[in-house]
Amino acid sequence: MLLDAEAAVDSSLVRDENGEIVGRKAGLRGWIADNCPALMKHYAVLMGYRRLAAEFRDAHDLADPCPAALLLDEEPATERKLPPKQRAALPAARRLARDRLKEPEVATVKAFAEKLQRSWAEPRYRTRRLA
């Protein structure tokens, strides 16, 4: 859900009257502060979960505008809004994601993150060594 919220909030640059960059709009951090102030003390943890969701989605060859949550549950109304290529790839990606999440070695968030970075995402990010 944080990935979806991040796409909808403004984190653009702020410029002064001379065009110099003087800051950035509040973005997701500001949205959390305004709408869920009790969660601000857990901001770093929330961003870690947001990163894991993005990497999990990427490891299944999905990207914006496909929410990572669609790897877990079907949402026909949301799925109809996806580009045709993503919509067609989603059922196979969902099956793979569900199978991976059933693996006994991903029972904790730490184990999930390690498995994601070590195995699931590896082929996509591996660089080829030239001989």
Protein backbone atom coordinates (compact mmCIF):
# COMPACT_ATOMS: atom_id res chain seq x y z
CA MET A 1 0.00 0.00 0.00
CA LEU A 2 2.93 2.31 0.61
CA LEU A 3 3.98 1.88 -3.02
CA ASP A 4 0.51 2.96 -4.10
CA ALA A 5 0.47 5.91 -1.71
CA GLU A 6 3.94 6.97 -2.82
CA ALA A 7 2.76 7.18 -6.42
CA ALA A 8 -0.06 9.51 -5.42
CA VAL A 9 1.79 12.03 -3.24
CA ASP A 10 3.89 15.00 -4.31
CA SER A 11 7.62 14.80 -3.61
CA SER A 12 8.68 17.20 -6.33
CA LEU A 13 11.47 19.74 -6.03
CA VAL A 14 10.79 23.18 -4.55
CA ARG A 15 12.54 26.10 -6.25
CA ASP A 16 12.95 29.69 -5.15
CA GLU A 17 12.22 32.77 -7.30
CA ASN A 18 15.64 32.38 -9.01
CA GLY A 19 14.98 28.77 -9.97
CA GLU A 20 17.41 27.37 -7.39
CA ILE A 21 16.42 24.13 -5.71
CA VAL A 22 15.70 24.84 -2.05
CA GLY A 23 14.01 21.64 -0.98
CA ARG A 24 11.52 18.95 -1.78
CA LYS A 25 7.82 18.57 -0.99
CA ALA A 26 6.94 16.24 1.87
CA GLY A 27 6.03 13.19 -0.25
CA LEU A 28 5.29 9.89 1.45
CA ARG A 29 6.88 10.95 4.75
CA GLY A 30 4.59 13.97 4.90
CA TRP A 31 1.56 11.88 3.98
CA ILE A 32 2.32 9.42 6.78
CA ALA A 33 2.86 12.31 9.22
CA ASP A 34 -0.49 13.86 8.26
CA ASN A 35 -2.59 10.69 8.04
CA CYS A 36 -0.90 8.17 10.35
CA PRO A 37 1.17 10.21 12.84
CA ALA A 38 1.52 7.28 15.25
CA LEU A 39 3.49 5.42 12.56
CA MET A 40 6.14 8.12 12.15
CA LYS A 41 8.30 6.58 14.87
CA HIS A 42 8.41 3.46 12.66
CA TYR A 43 9.20 5.32 9.42
CA ALA A 44 12.46 3.45 8.74
CA VAL A 45 10.74 0.08 9.20
CA LEU A 46 7.89 1.15 6.92
CA MET A 47 10.36 2.17 4.21
CA GLY A 48 12.09 -1.19 4.56
CA TYR A 49 8.77 -2.95 3.96
CA ARG A 50 8.04 -0.65 1.03
CA ARG A 51 11.42 -1.55 -0.48
CA LEU A 52 10.76 -5.28 0.03
CA ALA A 53 7.39 -4.98 -1.70
CA ALA A 54 9.00 -3.16 -4.64
CA GLU A 55 11.77 -5.76 -4.93
CA PHE A 56 9.26 -8.61 -4.65
CA ARG A 57 7.19 -7.07 -7.44
CA ASP A 58 10.33 -6.54 -9.56
CA ALA A 59 11.48 -10.13 -8.96
CA HIS A 60 8.23 -11.25 -10.61
CA ASP A 61 8.76 -8.96 -13.62
CA LEU A 62 5.97 -6.57 -12.67
CA ALA A 63 6.32 -2.81 -12.31
CA ASP A 64 4.21 0.31 -11.90
CA PRO A 65 1.28 0.63 -12.16
CA CYS A 66 0.83 -2.96 -10.92
CA PRO A 67 0.47 -3.01 -7.11
CA ALA A 68 2.58 -5.65 -5.33
CA ALA A 69 -0.60 -6.75 -3.53
CA LEU A 70 -1.88 -8.24 -6.80
CA LEU A 71 0.76 -10.95 -6.42
CA LEU A 72 -1.11 -12.15 -3.36
CA ASP A 73 -4.80 -11.67 -4.13
CA GLU A 74 -6.95 -11.18 -7.18
CA GLU A 75 -8.58 -7.77 -7.53
CA PRO A 76 -10.52 -7.81 -10.83
CA ALA A 77 -11.36 -4.11 -10.76
CA THR A 78 -7.70 -3.14 -10.30
CA GLU A 79 -6.48 -5.73 -12.78
CA ARG A 80 -8.76 -4.39 -15.53
CA LYS A 81 -6.95 -1.04 -15.29
CA LEU A 82 -3.50 -2.55 -15.93
CA PRO A 83 -1.79 -2.42 -19.32
CA PRO A 84 -2.61 -5.55 -21.37
CA LYS A 85 0.93 -6.96 -21.14
CA GLN A 86 0.97 -6.75 -17.33
CA ARG A 87 -2.56 -8.12 -17.07
CA ALA A 88 -1.55 -11.13 -19.17
CA ALA A 89 1.61 -11.79 -17.13
CA LEU A 90 -0.10 -11.45 -13.75
CA PRO A 91 -1.60 -14.98 -13.33
CA ALA A 92 1.75 -16.72 -13.85
CA ALA A 93 3.53 -14.19 -11.63
CA ARG A 94 0.87 -14.68 -8.93
CA ARG A 95 1.28 -18.47 -9.01
CA LEU A 96 5.07 -18.14 -8.73
CA ALA A 97 4.80 -15.60 -5.90
CA ARG A 98 2.39 -17.81 -3.94
CA ASP A 99 4.64 -20.85 -4.40
CA ARG A 100 7.66 -18.90 -3.25
CA LEU A 101 5.86 -17.59 -0.17
CA LYS A 102 4.97 -21.17 0.82
CA GLU A 103 8.65 -22.12 1.01
CA PRO A 104 9.48 -22.99 4.63
CA GLU A 105 12.67 -20.92 4.64
CA VAL A 106 10.74 -17.62 4.23
CA ALA A 107 8.83 -17.76 7.51
CA THR A 108 10.22 -14.45 8.80
CA VAL A 109 10.69 -11.03 7.22
CA LYS A 110 14.47 -11.37 7.57
CA ALA A 111 14.45 -14.76 5.86
CA PHE A 112 12.12 -13.42 3.17
CA ALA A 113 14.44 -10.48 2.45
CA GLU A 114 17.50 -12.73 2.30
CA LYS A 115 15.80 -15.23 -0.01
CA LEU A 116 14.51 -12.41 -2.22
CA GLN A 117 17.93 -10.86 -2.66
CA ARG A 118 19.87 -14.13 -2.81
CA SER A 119 17.69 -16.23 -5.07
CA TRP A 120 14.53 -14.74 -6.50
CA ALA A 121 15.96 -11.48 -7.79
CA GLU A 122 19.38 -12.88 -8.67
CA PRO A 123 18.93 -13.75 -12.36
CA ARG A 124 17.50 -10.35 -13.13
CA TYR A 125 20.32 -8.38 -11.49
CA ARG A 126 23.25 -10.69 -12.23
CA THR A 127 25.87 -9.08 -14.42
CA ARG A 128 27.56 -11.15 -17.07
CA ARG A 129 31.32 -11.46 -16.81
CA LEU A 130 33.18 -11.23 -20.05
CA ALA A 131 35.96 -13.78 -20.52
